């Protein structure tokens, strides 16, 4: 049996140096790996934060767009003011009416009426023309129920300082009573929205609706 010679101090020193160098290389490799992992985590965190903020911005933009669309959609309510006048106001209290144009069926031969600052409908605007048309159509002297007169209302209004315009068909509810020889009395009863329409097609839509009513014949 041969004895293994003891390493000389120089060789032992070299071995320790090689082992220490190997350990340092392992630590450097591990450190680099940790740095890469940290960079990936940091990048992922930044991306998630950016994505969350983008989603939040998109959600706010979508909500703002919806709010703007809601603000631009007008629905008018009417209250009777005596027998021959309706006072109009938006259903949304944040909408402030600036002016309106009320258009009538062409068959009645009435020019559109402009109002400013006081949204309303007055029976005197169309009473005589409507009575003549009803007489021509040989309709009963008195109303059987609530009669309807379609109109197209263009409303210019402001919401939070932003101007908007809405065009819609409405039916004016009215009643009529009396005799042809002694005269008739027109009573306005309310206003009902039919649908929103485009400005350039409002008159055609209005005339089409009027053509379907008994008083148009």
N, C-alpha and C. Protein backbone atom coordinates (compact mmCIF):
# COMPACT_ATOMS: atom_id res chain seq x y z
N UNK A 1 0.85 -1.17 0.00
CA UNK A 1 0.00 0.00 0.00
C UNK A 1 0.89 1.23 0.00
N UNK A 2 0.51 2.14 -0.97
CA UNK A 2 1.35 3.35 -1.13
C UNK A 2 0.68 4.51 -0.43
N UNK A 3 1.38 5.19 0.38
CA UNK A 3 0.84 6.36 1.08
C UNK A 3 0.76 7.55 0.12
N UNK A 4 -0.44 8.29 0.24
CA UNK A 4 -0.60 9.50 -0.58
C UNK A 4 0.22 10.62 0.02
N UNK A 5 1.06 11.22 -0.83
CA UNK A 5 1.92 12.27 -0.27
C UNK A 5 1.12 13.48 0.16
N UNK A 6 1.51 14.05 1.23
CA UNK A 6 0.86 15.27 1.70
C UNK A 6 1.16 16.41 0.73
N UNK A 7 0.10 17.23 0.41
CA UNK A 7 0.35 18.36 -0.51
C UNK A 7 1.28 19.37 0.15
N UNK A 8 2.07 19.92 -0.69
CA UNK A 8 2.97 20.95 -0.19
C UNK A 8 2.16 22.19 0.14
N UNK A 9 2.70 23.06 0.98
CA UNK A 9 1.96 24.29 1.32
C UNK A 9 1.59 25.11 0.09
N UNK A 10 2.46 25.11 -0.91
CA UNK A 10 2.17 25.90 -2.11
C UNK A 10 0.96 25.34 -2.85
N UNK A 11 0.94 23.99 -2.98
CA UNK A 11 -0.19 23.37 -3.69
C UNK A 11 -1.49 23.55 -2.91
N UNK A 12 -1.42 23.44 -1.60
CA UNK A 12 -2.62 23.64 -0.77
C UNK A 12 -3.15 25.06 -0.93
N UNK A 13 -2.20 25.99 -0.99
CA UNK A 13 -2.60 27.40 -1.16
C UNK A 13 -3.27 27.61 -2.50
N UNK A 14 -2.70 26.98 -3.56
CA UNK A 14 -3.28 27.11 -4.89
C UNK A 14 -4.67 26.48 -4.93
N UNK A 15 -4.86 25.36 -4.26
CA UNK A 15 -6.16 24.69 -4.23
C UNK A 15 -7.21 25.56 -3.56
N UNK A 16 -6.76 26.16 -2.43
CA UNK A 16 -7.71 27.04 -1.73
C UNK A 16 -8.08 28.25 -2.59
N UNK A 17 -7.10 28.75 -3.33
CA UNK A 17 -7.37 29.90 -4.19
C UNK A 17 -8.34 29.53 -5.30
N UNK A 18 -8.13 28.30 -5.90
CA UNK A 18 -9.05 27.86 -6.96
C UNK A 18 -10.46 27.68 -6.41
N UNK A 19 -10.54 27.11 -5.20
CA UNK A 19 -11.88 26.91 -4.60
C UNK A 19 -12.56 28.25 -4.30
N UNK A 20 -11.79 29.21 -3.80
CA UNK A 20 -12.35 30.53 -3.50
C UNK A 20 -12.81 31.22 -4.78
N UNK A 21 -12.03 31.05 -5.87
CA UNK A 21 -12.41 31.66 -7.15
C UNK A 21 -13.69 31.04 -7.67
N UNK A 22 -13.80 29.69 -7.52
CA UNK A 22 -15.03 29.01 -7.97
C UNK A 22 -16.24 29.49 -7.19
N UNK A 23 -16.06 29.68 -5.88
CA UNK A 23 -17.16 30.17 -5.04
C UNK A 23 -17.59 31.56 -5.48
N UNK A 24 -16.56 32.43 -5.77
CA UNK A 24 -16.88 33.79 -6.21
C UNK A 24 -17.64 33.76 -7.53
N UNK A 25 -17.22 32.83 -8.45
CA UNK A 25 -17.92 32.75 -9.74
C UNK A 25 -19.36 32.32 -9.53
N UNK A 26 -19.58 31.40 -8.59
CA UNK A 26 -20.96 30.96 -8.32
C UNK A 26 -21.78 32.11 -7.75
N UNK A 27 -21.18 32.87 -6.84
CA UNK A 27 -21.89 34.02 -6.27
C UNK A 27 -22.20 35.08 -7.32
N UNK A 28 -21.22 35.30 -8.22
CA UNK A 28 -21.45 36.28 -9.29
C UNK A 28 -22.60 35.81 -10.19
N UNK A 29 -22.59 34.54 -10.55
CA UNK A 29 -23.67 34.00 -11.40
C UNK A 29 -25.02 34.11 -10.71
N UNK A 30 -25.07 33.77 -9.41
CA UNK A 30 -26.31 33.88 -8.65
C UNK A 30 -26.76 35.34 -8.54
N UNK A 31 -25.77 36.23 -8.32
CA UNK A 31 -26.09 37.65 -8.23
C UNK A 31 -26.67 38.17 -9.54
N UNK A 32 -26.05 37.74 -10.65
CA UNK A 32 -26.57 38.17 -11.95
C UNK A 32 -27.99 37.65 -12.17
N UNK A 33 -28.23 36.41 -11.77
CA UNK A 33 -29.56 35.83 -11.91
C UNK A 33 -30.59 36.60 -11.09
N UNK A 34 -30.19 36.92 -9.83
CA UNK A 34 -31.10 37.69 -8.97
C UNK A 34 -31.37 39.07 -9.56
N UNK A 35 -30.33 39.67 -10.15
CA UNK A 35 -30.51 40.99 -10.76
C UNK A 35 -31.48 40.92 -11.92
N UNK A 36 -31.35 39.84 -12.72
CA UNK A 36 -32.27 39.67 -13.85
C UNK A 36 -33.70 39.47 -13.36
N UNK A 37 -33.85 38.62 -12.30
CA UNK A 37 -35.17 38.38 -11.74
C UNK A 37 -35.77 39.69 -11.20
N UNK A 38 -34.93 40.46 -10.49
CA UNK A 38 -35.39 41.74 -9.94
C UNK A 38 -35.83 42.68 -11.06
N UNK A 39 -35.04 42.70 -12.15
CA UNK A 39 -35.39 43.56 -13.29
C UNK A 39 -36.71 43.13 -13.92
N UNK A 40 -36.91 41.81 -14.03
CA UNK A 40 -38.17 41.30 -14.59
C UNK A 40 -39.35 41.66 -13.70
N UNK A 41 -39.16 41.49 -12.39
CA UNK A 41 -40.24 41.84 -11.45
C UNK A 41 -40.56 43.32 -11.53
N UNK A 42 -39.50 44.14 -11.59
CA UNK A 42 -39.70 45.59 -11.67
C UNK A 42 -40.44 45.95 -12.95
N UNK A 43 -40.01 45.33 -14.06
CA UNK A 43 -40.66 45.60 -15.33
C UNK A 43 -42.12 45.17 -15.32
N UNK A 44 -42.38 43.99 -14.75
CA UNK A 44 -43.75 43.50 -14.67
C UNK A 44 -44.61 44.41 -13.80
N UNK A 45 -44.03 44.88 -12.69
CA UNK A 45 -44.77 45.79 -11.81
C UNK A 45 -45.11 47.09 -12.54
N UNK A 46 -44.13 47.63 -13.26
CA UNK A 46 -44.38 48.85 -14.03
C UNK A 46 -45.46 48.64 -15.07
N UNK A 47 -45.40 47.48 -15.76
CA UNK A 47 -46.40 47.19 -16.78
C UNK A 47 -47.79 47.08 -16.17
N UNK A 48 -47.90 46.36 -15.03
CA UNK A 48 -49.19 46.20 -14.39
C UNK A 48 -49.74 47.54 -13.93
N UNK A 49 -48.86 48.39 -13.37
CA UNK A 49 -49.30 49.72 -12.95
C UNK A 49 -49.78 50.54 -14.14
N UNK A 50 -49.00 50.46 -15.24
CA UNK A 50 -49.39 51.20 -16.45
C UNK A 50 -50.69 50.66 -17.01
N UNK A 51 -50.84 49.33 -17.01
CA UNK A 51 -52.06 48.72 -17.53
C UNK A 51 -53.27 49.11 -16.69
N UNK A 52 -53.09 49.10 -15.35
CA UNK A 52 -54.19 49.48 -14.46
C UNK A 52 -54.60 50.93 -14.70
N UNK A 53 -53.59 51.81 -14.84
CA UNK A 53 -53.89 53.22 -15.08
C UNK A 53 -54.55 53.42 -16.43
N UNK A 54 -54.08 52.63 -17.44
CA UNK A 54 -54.70 52.75 -18.76
C UNK A 54 -56.15 52.31 -18.70
N UNK A 55 -56.40 51.18 -18.00
CA UNK A 55 -57.78 50.71 -17.85
C UNK A 55 -58.62 51.75 -17.12
N UNK A 56 -58.03 52.36 -16.10
CA UNK A 56 -58.75 53.39 -15.35
C UNK A 56 -59.06 54.59 -16.24
N UNK A 57 -58.04 54.99 -17.05
CA UNK A 57 -58.27 56.11 -17.97
C UNK A 57 -59.34 55.76 -19.00
N UNK A 58 -59.27 54.53 -19.52
CA UNK A 58 -60.27 54.11 -20.51
C UNK A 58 -61.66 54.10 -19.90
N UNK A 59 -61.75 53.61 -18.64
CA UNK A 59 -63.05 53.57 -17.98
C UNK A 59 -63.59 54.97 -17.75
N UNK A 60 -62.69 55.89 -17.34
CA UNK A 60 -63.12 57.27 -17.13
C UNK A 60 -63.53 57.92 -18.44
N UNK A 61 -62.77 57.62 -19.51
CA UNK A 61 -63.11 58.19 -20.82
C UNK A 61 -64.45 57.66 -21.30
N UNK A 62 -64.69 56.35 -21.09
CA UNK A 62 -65.96 55.76 -21.51
C UNK A 62 -67.12 56.35 -20.71
N UNK A 63 -66.92 56.53 -19.40
CA UNK A 63 -67.95 57.12 -18.57
C UNK A 63 -68.22 58.56 -18.96
N UNK A 64 -67.13 59.29 -19.27
CA UNK A 64 -67.28 60.67 -19.71
C UNK A 64 -68.04 60.75 -21.02
N UNK A 65 -67.72 59.81 -21.92
CA UNK A 65 -68.42 59.77 -23.21
C UNK A 65 -69.90 59.48 -23.03
N UNK A 66 -70.20 58.51 -22.12
CA UNK A 66 -71.60 58.19 -21.85
C UNK A 66 -72.32 59.39 -21.22
N UNK A 67 -71.62 60.06 -20.30
CA UNK A 67 -72.23 61.23 -19.65
C UNK A 67 -72.50 62.32 -20.66
N UNK A 68 -71.55 62.51 -21.60
CA UNK A 68 -71.73 63.51 -22.63
C UNK A 68 -72.90 63.15 -23.54
N UNK A 69 -73.01 61.86 -23.86
CA UNK A 69 -74.13 61.41 -24.70
C UNK A 69 -75.46 61.61 -23.98
N UNK A 70 -75.47 61.29 -22.67
CA UNK A 70 -76.70 61.49 -21.91
C UNK A 70 -77.05 62.97 -21.85
N UNK A 71 -76.04 63.80 -21.68
CA UNK A 71 -76.28 65.24 -21.59
C UNK A 71 -76.86 65.79 -22.88
N UNK A 72 -76.47 65.18 -24.01
CA UNK A 72 -76.92 65.68 -25.31
C UNK A 72 -78.30 65.16 -25.69
N UNK A 73 -78.85 64.20 -24.94
CA UNK A 73 -80.17 63.67 -25.23
C UNK A 73 -81.20 64.39 -24.37
N UNK A 74 -82.07 65.08 -25.03
CA UNK A 74 -83.04 65.92 -24.33
C UNK A 74 -84.43 65.30 -24.38
N UNK A 75 -85.11 65.35 -23.27
CA UNK A 75 -86.52 64.98 -23.21
C UNK A 75 -87.27 66.14 -22.56
N UNK A 76 -88.29 66.63 -23.26
CA UNK A 76 -89.05 67.77 -22.75
C UNK A 76 -90.29 67.31 -22.01
N UNK A 77 -90.53 67.92 -20.88
CA UNK A 77 -91.77 67.73 -20.15
C UNK A 77 -92.62 68.99 -20.30
N UNK A 78 -93.92 68.82 -20.23
CA UNK A 78 -94.83 69.97 -20.40
C UNK A 78 -95.78 70.07 -19.23
N UNK A 79 -96.05 71.30 -18.83
CA UNK A 79 -97.06 71.58 -17.82
C UNK A 79 -98.07 72.55 -18.43
N UNK A 80 -99.34 72.29 -18.17
CA UNK A 80 -100.38 73.17 -18.71
C UNK A 80 -100.35 74.50 -17.96
N UNK A 81 -100.51 75.55 -18.73
CA UNK A 81 -100.58 76.91 -18.17
C UNK A 81 -101.84 77.55 -18.73
N UNK A 82 -102.97 77.27 -18.09
CA UNK A 82 -104.25 77.65 -18.67
C UNK A 82 -104.65 76.63 -19.72
N UNK A 83 -105.66 76.95 -20.50
CA UNK A 83 -106.16 76.01 -21.50
C UNK A 83 -105.35 76.00 -22.79
N UNK A 84 -104.68 77.12 -23.08
CA UNK A 84 -104.09 77.25 -24.42
C UNK A 84 -102.57 77.46 -24.41
N UNK A 85 -101.92 76.96 -23.38
CA UNK A 85 -100.46 77.16 -23.30
C UNK A 85 -99.81 76.01 -22.53
N UNK A 86 -98.69 75.54 -23.07
CA UNK A 86 -97.88 74.53 -22.39
C UNK A 86 -96.51 75.13 -22.08
N UNK A 87 -96.08 75.00 -20.85
CA UNK A 87 -94.74 75.41 -20.46
C UNK A 87 -93.82 74.20 -20.54
N UNK A 88 -92.70 74.35 -21.24
CA UNK A 88 -91.80 73.23 -21.47
C UNK A 88 -90.55 73.36 -20.63
N UNK A 89 -90.03 72.23 -20.17
CA UNK A 89 -88.75 72.21 -19.48
C UNK A 89 -88.10 70.84 -19.66
N UNK A 90 -86.76 70.81 -19.66
CA UNK A 90 -86.07 69.52 -19.80
C UNK A 90 -86.30 68.63 -18.57
N UNK A 91 -86.34 67.32 -18.81
CA UNK A 91 -86.44 66.38 -17.70
C UNK A 91 -85.17 66.41 -16.85
N UNK A 92 -84.02 66.72 -17.48
CA UNK A 92 -82.75 66.83 -16.77
C UNK A 92 -82.57 68.28 -16.31
N UNK A 93 -82.52 68.53 -15.00
CA UNK A 93 -82.41 69.91 -14.51
C UNK A 93 -81.09 70.59 -14.88
N UNK A 94 -80.07 69.81 -15.28
CA UNK A 94 -78.79 70.40 -15.66
C UNK A 94 -78.82 70.99 -17.07
N UNK A 95 -79.86 70.71 -17.82
CA UNK A 95 -79.98 71.23 -19.19
C UNK A 95 -80.74 72.55 -19.17
N UNK A 96 -80.13 73.55 -19.78
CA UNK A 96 -80.72 74.89 -19.79
C UNK A 96 -81.07 75.26 -21.23
N UNK A 97 -82.36 75.39 -21.51
CA UNK A 97 -82.82 75.70 -22.87
C UNK A 97 -82.52 77.15 -23.21
N UNK A 98 -81.93 77.35 -24.38
CA UNK A 98 -81.63 78.69 -24.87
C UNK A 98 -82.68 79.17 -25.88
N UNK A 99 -83.03 78.31 -26.82
CA UNK A 99 -84.02 78.68 -27.83
C UNK A 99 -84.60 77.42 -28.45
N UNK A 100 -85.74 77.59 -29.11
CA UNK A 100 -86.39 76.46 -29.77
C UNK A 100 -87.01 76.89 -31.09
N UNK A 101 -87.15 75.91 -31.98
CA UNK A 101 -87.91 76.07 -33.21
C UNK A 101 -88.95 74.98 -33.25
N UNK A 102 -90.23 75.37 -33.32
CA UNK A 102 -91.33 74.41 -33.38
C UNK A 102 -91.86 74.42 -34.80
N UNK A 103 -91.73 73.26 -35.47
CA UNK A 103 -92.21 73.13 -36.85
C UNK A 103 -93.50 72.32 -36.87
N UNK A 104 -94.41 72.69 -37.80
CA UNK A 104 -95.72 72.06 -37.91
C UNK A 104 -95.82 71.31 -39.24
N UNK A 105 -96.79 70.41 -39.36
CA UNK A 105 -96.98 69.74 -40.64
C UNK A 105 -97.21 70.76 -41.75
N UNK A 106 -96.60 70.52 -42.92
CA UNK A 106 -96.73 71.46 -44.03
C UNK A 106 -98.19 71.66 -44.44
N UNK A 107 -99.00 70.61 -44.30
CA UNK A 107 -100.39 70.69 -44.72
C UNK A 107 -101.18 71.77 -43.97
N UNK A 108 -100.72 72.15 -42.78
CA UNK A 108 -101.43 73.18 -42.02
C UNK A 108 -101.07 74.58 -42.49
N UNK A 109 -99.98 74.71 -43.27
CA UNK A 109 -99.60 76.02 -43.78
C UNK A 109 -99.15 77.00 -42.71
N UNK A 110 -98.51 76.49 -41.66
CA UNK A 110 -98.05 77.34 -40.55
C UNK A 110 -96.53 77.43 -40.60
N UNK A 111 -96.00 78.64 -40.52
CA UNK A 111 -94.55 78.82 -40.49
C UNK A 111 -94.01 78.35 -39.14
N UNK A 112 -92.79 77.85 -39.10
CA UNK A 112 -92.19 77.46 -37.82
C UNK A 112 -92.14 78.63 -36.85
N UNK A 113 -92.28 78.34 -35.58
CA UNK A 113 -92.27 79.36 -34.53
C UNK A 113 -90.94 79.28 -33.78
N UNK A 114 -90.33 80.45 -33.58
CA UNK A 114 -89.08 80.54 -32.82
C UNK A 114 -89.36 81.08 -31.43
N UNK A 115 -88.77 80.47 -30.43
CA UNK A 115 -88.86 80.99 -29.07
C UNK A 115 -87.44 81.17 -28.52
N UNK A 116 -87.30 82.12 -27.60
CA UNK A 116 -85.99 82.37 -26.99
C UNK A 116 -86.18 82.57 -25.49
N UNK A 117 -85.51 81.74 -24.72
CA UNK A 117 -85.48 81.94 -23.28
C UNK A 117 -86.73 81.53 -22.53
N UNK A 118 -87.82 81.20 -23.23
CA UNK A 118 -89.05 80.80 -22.56
C UNK A 118 -89.67 79.65 -23.36
N UNK A 119 -89.18 78.44 -23.16
CA UNK A 119 -89.70 77.31 -23.93
C UNK A 119 -91.18 77.08 -23.64
N UNK A 120 -91.98 77.04 -24.71
CA UNK A 120 -93.43 76.94 -24.54
C UNK A 120 -94.09 76.56 -25.86
N UNK A 121 -95.35 76.19 -25.77
CA UNK A 121 -96.21 75.98 -26.94
C UNK A 121 -97.52 76.70 -26.66
N UNK A 122 -97.95 77.51 -27.60
CA UNK A 122 -99.19 78.27 -27.44
C UNK A 122 -100.21 77.80 -28.48
N UNK A 123 -101.45 77.59 -28.02
CA UNK A 123 -102.50 77.12 -28.91
C UNK A 123 -102.80 78.09 -30.03
N UNK A 124 -102.58 79.37 -29.79
CA UNK A 124 -102.88 80.38 -30.82
C UNK A 124 -102.02 80.23 -32.06
N UNK A 125 -100.88 79.54 -31.94
CA UNK A 125 -100.00 79.36 -33.08
C UNK A 125 -100.64 78.51 -34.17
N UNK A 126 -101.49 77.57 -33.78
CA UNK A 126 -102.02 76.62 -34.76
C UNK A 126 -103.52 76.38 -34.65
N UNK A 127 -104.21 77.04 -33.74
CA UNK A 127 -105.62 76.75 -33.48
C UNK A 127 -106.49 76.91 -34.72
N UNK A 128 -106.40 78.05 -35.40
CA UNK A 128 -107.26 78.29 -36.55
C UNK A 128 -106.99 77.30 -37.68
N UNK A 129 -105.71 77.07 -37.96
CA UNK A 129 -105.35 76.14 -39.04
C UNK A 129 -105.84 74.73 -38.71
N UNK A 130 -105.74 74.34 -37.46
CA UNK A 130 -106.16 73.01 -37.05
C UNK A 130 -107.67 72.87 -37.15
N UNK A 131 -108.41 73.89 -36.77
CA UNK A 131 -109.87 73.85 -36.87
C UNK A 131 -110.30 73.73 -38.33
N UNK A 132 -109.66 74.48 -39.21
CA UNK A 132 -110.01 74.40 -40.64
C UNK A 132 -109.75 72.99 -41.18
N UNK A 133 -108.61 72.42 -40.76
CA UNK A 133 -108.27 71.09 -41.25
C UNK A 133 -109.25 70.05 -40.73
N UNK A 134 -109.66 70.18 -39.50
CA UNK A 134 -110.63 69.24 -38.93
C UNK A 134 -111.98 69.38 -39.62
N UNK A 135 -112.37 70.62 -39.94
CA UNK A 135 -113.64 70.83 -40.64
C UNK A 135 -113.58 70.19 -42.03
N UNK A 136 -112.44 70.35 -42.72
CA UNK A 136 -112.27 69.76 -44.05
C UNK A 136 -112.33 68.24 -43.98
N UNK A 137 -111.80 67.67 -42.90
CA UNK A 137 -111.81 66.22 -42.74
C UNK A 137 -113.14 65.70 -42.19
N UNK A 138 -114.09 66.64 -41.92
CA UNK A 138 -115.41 66.28 -41.39
C UNK A 138 -115.30 65.46 -40.10
N UNK A 139 -114.44 65.92 -39.24
CA UNK A 139 -114.27 65.27 -37.94
C UNK A 139 -115.36 65.75 -36.98
N UNK A 140 -115.65 64.98 -35.92
CA UNK A 140 -116.71 65.38 -34.97
C UNK A 140 -116.44 66.74 -34.36
N UNK A 141 -117.54 67.41 -33.96
CA UNK A 141 -117.40 68.73 -33.33
C UNK A 141 -116.56 68.66 -32.05
N UNK A 142 -116.75 67.61 -31.27
CA UNK A 142 -116.01 67.49 -30.03
C UNK A 142 -115.04 66.32 -30.08
N UNK A 143 -114.06 66.37 -29.25
CA UNK A 143 -113.05 65.29 -29.20
C UNK A 143 -113.66 64.03 -28.61
N UNK A 144 -113.37 62.91 -29.24
CA UNK A 144 -113.76 61.63 -28.68
C UNK A 144 -112.81 61.26 -27.54
N UNK A 145 -111.55 61.57 -27.72
CA UNK A 145 -110.52 61.34 -26.70
C UNK A 145 -109.47 62.42 -26.83
N UNK A 146 -108.26 62.12 -26.43
CA UNK A 146 -107.17 63.07 -26.61
C UNK A 146 -106.73 63.07 -28.07
N UNK A 147 -106.87 64.21 -28.71
CA UNK A 147 -106.43 64.35 -30.10
C UNK A 147 -104.92 64.63 -30.09
N UNK A 148 -104.29 64.42 -31.26
CA UNK A 148 -102.84 64.60 -31.36
C UNK A 148 -102.48 65.48 -32.54
N UNK A 149 -101.56 66.37 -32.27
CA UNK A 149 -100.96 67.18 -33.33
C UNK A 149 -99.45 66.96 -33.27
N UNK A 150 -98.85 66.32 -34.27
CA UNK A 150 -97.40 66.12 -34.24
C UNK A 150 -96.65 67.40 -34.59
N UNK A 151 -95.54 67.62 -33.93
CA UNK A 151 -94.67 68.76 -34.21
C UNK A 151 -93.22 68.28 -34.14
N UNK A 152 -92.34 69.00 -34.79
CA UNK A 152 -90.90 68.74 -34.67
C UNK A 152 -90.29 69.90 -33.89
N UNK A 153 -89.64 69.58 -32.79
CA UNK A 153 -89.07 70.62 -31.93
C UNK A 153 -87.55 70.53 -31.96
N UNK A 154 -86.93 71.61 -32.40
CA UNK A 154 -85.47 71.73 -32.36
C UNK A 154 -85.12 72.59 -31.15
N UNK A 155 -84.37 72.01 -30.24
CA UNK A 155 -84.03 72.72 -29.00
C UNK A 155 -82.53 72.93 -28.91
N UNK A 156 -82.13 74.17 -28.69
CA UNK A 156 -80.73 74.50 -28.46
C UNK A 156 -80.57 74.76 -26.96
N UNK A 157 -79.67 74.00 -26.34
CA UNK A 157 -79.55 74.07 -24.89
C UNK A 157 -78.09 73.94 -24.47
N UNK A 158 -77.84 74.21 -23.20
CA UNK A 158 -76.49 74.20 -22.64
C UNK A 158 -76.44 73.26 -21.44
N UNK A 159 -75.35 72.47 -21.37
CA UNK A 159 -75.09 71.62 -20.21
C UNK A 159 -73.65 71.85 -19.78
N UNK A 160 -73.45 72.30 -18.55
CA UNK A 160 -72.11 72.56 -18.03
C UNK A 160 -71.30 73.47 -18.97
N UNK A 161 -71.97 74.45 -19.53
CA UNK A 161 -71.30 75.41 -20.40
C UNK A 161 -71.13 74.94 -21.83
N UNK A 162 -71.48 73.69 -22.13
CA UNK A 162 -71.33 73.15 -23.48
C UNK A 162 -72.65 73.23 -24.24
N UNK A 163 -72.65 73.82 -25.46
CA UNK A 163 -73.88 73.93 -26.23
C UNK A 163 -74.23 72.62 -26.93
N UNK A 164 -75.52 72.33 -27.01
CA UNK A 164 -76.01 71.13 -27.69
C UNK A 164 -77.27 71.49 -28.48
N UNK A 165 -77.62 70.60 -29.40
CA UNK A 165 -78.87 70.77 -30.16
C UNK A 165 -79.57 69.42 -30.25
N UNK A 166 -80.86 69.42 -30.02
CA UNK A 166 -81.66 68.19 -30.07
C UNK A 166 -82.85 68.43 -30.99
N UNK A 167 -83.13 67.42 -31.82
CA UNK A 167 -84.30 67.49 -32.71
C UNK A 167 -85.14 66.25 -32.47
N UNK A 168 -86.42 66.44 -32.21
CA UNK A 168 -87.28 65.29 -31.91
C UNK A 168 -88.71 65.58 -32.33
N UNK A 169 -89.44 64.49 -32.62
CA UNK A 169 -90.87 64.59 -32.89
C UNK A 169 -91.63 64.46 -31.58
N UNK A 170 -92.62 65.31 -31.40
CA UNK A 170 -93.50 65.24 -30.24
C UNK A 170 -94.95 65.30 -30.71
N UNK A 171 -95.82 64.72 -29.92
CA UNK A 171 -97.26 64.86 -30.14
C UNK A 171 -97.81 65.84 -29.10
N UNK A 172 -98.50 66.86 -29.57
CA UNK A 172 -99.23 67.74 -28.66
C UNK A 172 -100.60 67.12 -28.44
N UNK A 173 -100.92 66.88 -27.20
CA UNK A 173 -102.25 66.37 -26.88
C UNK A 173 -103.21 67.54 -26.70
N UNK A 174 -104.36 67.45 -27.35
CA UNK A 174 -105.32 68.55 -27.23
C UNK A 174 -106.74 68.01 -27.24
N UNK A 175 -107.64 68.83 -26.78
CA UNK A 175 -109.07 68.52 -26.86
C UNK A 175 -109.77 69.68 -27.54
N UNK A 176 -110.89 69.39 -28.17
CA UNK A 176 -111.64 70.45 -28.84
C UNK A 176 -113.13 70.22 -28.58
N UNK A 177 -113.83 71.28 -28.29
CA UNK A 177 -115.26 71.16 -27.96
C UNK A 177 -116.00 72.37 -28.53
N UNK A 178 -117.28 72.18 -28.81
CA UNK A 178 -118.10 73.27 -29.32
C UNK A 178 -118.84 72.88 -30.58
N UNK A 179 -119.50 73.83 -31.21
CA UNK A 179 -120.24 73.64 -32.45
C UNK A 179 -119.63 74.52 -33.53
N UNK A 180 -119.76 74.07 -34.76
CA UNK A 180 -119.16 74.84 -35.84
C UNK A 180 -119.78 76.23 -35.94
N UNK A 181 -121.07 76.36 -35.68
CA UNK A 181 -121.71 77.67 -35.81
C UNK A 181 -121.38 78.57 -34.62
N UNK A 182 -121.28 77.99 -33.44
CA UNK A 182 -121.04 78.80 -32.25
C UNK A 182 -119.56 78.91 -31.89
N UNK A 183 -118.72 78.20 -32.62
CA UNK A 183 -117.28 78.27 -32.35
C UNK A 183 -116.79 77.10 -31.52
N UNK A 184 -115.50 76.87 -31.60
CA UNK A 184 -114.88 75.77 -30.89
C UNK A 184 -113.84 76.30 -29.89
N UNK A 185 -113.63 75.53 -28.87
CA UNK A 185 -112.61 75.88 -27.88
C UNK A 185 -111.54 74.79 -27.90
N UNK A 186 -110.30 75.22 -28.05
CA UNK A 186 -109.16 74.30 -28.06
C UNK A 186 -108.51 74.28 -26.68
N UNK A 187 -108.25 73.11 -26.17
CA UNK A 187 -107.60 72.96 -24.87
C UNK A 187 -106.35 72.10 -25.03
N UNK A 188 -105.21 72.63 -24.63
CA UNK A 188 -103.97 71.86 -24.69
C UNK A 188 -103.84 71.01 -23.43
N UNK A 189 -103.47 69.72 -23.63
CA UNK A 189 -103.45 68.80 -22.50
C UNK A 189 -102.08 68.28 -22.13
N UNK A 190 -101.14 68.31 -23.04
CA UNK A 190 -99.81 67.80 -22.69
C UNK A 190 -98.95 67.58 -23.91
N UNK A 191 -97.79 66.98 -23.68
CA UNK A 191 -96.81 66.75 -24.73
C UNK A 191 -96.20 65.37 -24.53
N UNK A 192 -96.07 64.62 -25.63
CA UNK A 192 -95.50 63.28 -25.56
C UNK A 192 -94.42 63.13 -26.63
N UNK A 193 -93.22 62.69 -26.21
CA UNK A 193 -92.15 62.51 -27.19
C UNK A 193 -92.38 61.26 -28.01
N UNK A 194 -92.16 61.37 -29.31
CA UNK A 194 -92.29 60.24 -30.23
C UNK A 194 -90.92 59.59 -30.45
N UNK A 195 -89.98 60.37 -30.97
CA UNK A 195 -88.62 59.86 -31.17
C UNK A 195 -87.70 61.00 -31.59
N UNK A 196 -86.42 60.79 -31.41
CA UNK A 196 -85.42 61.73 -31.89
C UNK A 196 -85.22 61.51 -33.39
N UNK A 197 -84.97 62.59 -34.10
CA UNK A 197 -84.76 62.51 -35.55
C UNK A 197 -83.58 63.40 -35.93
N UNK A 198 -83.04 63.18 -37.14
CA UNK A 198 -81.99 64.04 -37.65
C UNK A 198 -82.59 65.34 -38.16
N UNK A 199 -81.83 66.41 -38.03
CA UNK A 199 -82.34 67.73 -38.40
C UNK A 199 -82.79 67.78 -39.85
N UNK A 200 -81.99 67.18 -40.77
CA UNK A 200 -82.33 67.28 -42.18
C UNK A 200 -83.49 66.38 -42.59
N UNK A 201 -83.93 65.50 -41.69
CA UNK A 201 -85.07 64.65 -42.02
C UNK A 201 -86.28 64.90 -41.13
N UNK A 202 -86.22 65.94 -40.32
CA UNK A 202 -87.28 66.19 -39.34
C UNK A 202 -88.62 66.51 -40.00
N UNK A 203 -88.61 67.40 -41.01
CA UNK A 203 -89.87 67.79 -41.63
C UNK A 203 -90.53 66.63 -42.36
N UNK A 204 -89.73 65.82 -43.05
CA UNK A 204 -90.29 64.66 -43.74
C UNK A 204 -90.89 63.67 -42.75
N UNK A 205 -90.18 63.44 -41.63
CA UNK A 205 -90.70 62.52 -40.60
C UNK A 205 -91.98 63.08 -39.99
N UNK A 206 -92.02 64.38 -39.79
CA UNK A 206 -93.21 65.03 -39.22
C UNK A 206 -94.40 64.90 -40.16
N UNK A 207 -94.20 65.17 -41.45
CA UNK A 207 -95.30 65.09 -42.43
C UNK A 207 -95.80 63.66 -42.57
N UNK A 208 -94.87 62.69 -42.49
CA UNK A 208 -95.28 61.28 -42.58
C UNK A 208 -96.15 60.90 -41.38
N UNK A 209 -95.78 61.40 -40.21
CA UNK A 209 -96.58 61.09 -39.02
C UNK A 209 -97.95 61.76 -39.12
N UNK A 210 -97.97 62.99 -39.58
CA UNK A 210 -99.25 63.72 -39.74
C UNK A 210 -100.16 63.01 -40.74
N UNK A 211 -99.57 62.45 -41.79
CA UNK A 211 -100.37 61.78 -42.82
C UNK A 211 -101.13 60.58 -42.29
N UNK A 212 -100.70 60.03 -41.17
CA UNK A 212 -101.37 58.88 -40.60
C UNK A 212 -102.46 59.22 -39.62
N UNK A 213 -102.68 60.51 -39.35
CA UNK A 213 -103.70 60.92 -38.38
C UNK A 213 -105.01 61.29 -39.09
N UNK A 214 -106.16 61.11 -38.43
CA UNK A 214 -107.44 61.41 -39.06
C UNK A 214 -107.59 62.85 -39.53
N UNK A 215 -107.03 63.80 -38.77
CA UNK A 215 -107.19 65.21 -39.11
C UNK A 215 -106.45 65.59 -40.39
N UNK A 216 -105.57 64.72 -40.89
CA UNK A 216 -104.79 65.05 -42.08
C UNK A 216 -105.57 64.75 -43.36
N UNK A 217 -106.66 64.02 -43.26
CA UNK A 217 -107.36 63.58 -44.47
C UNK A 217 -108.23 64.70 -45.03
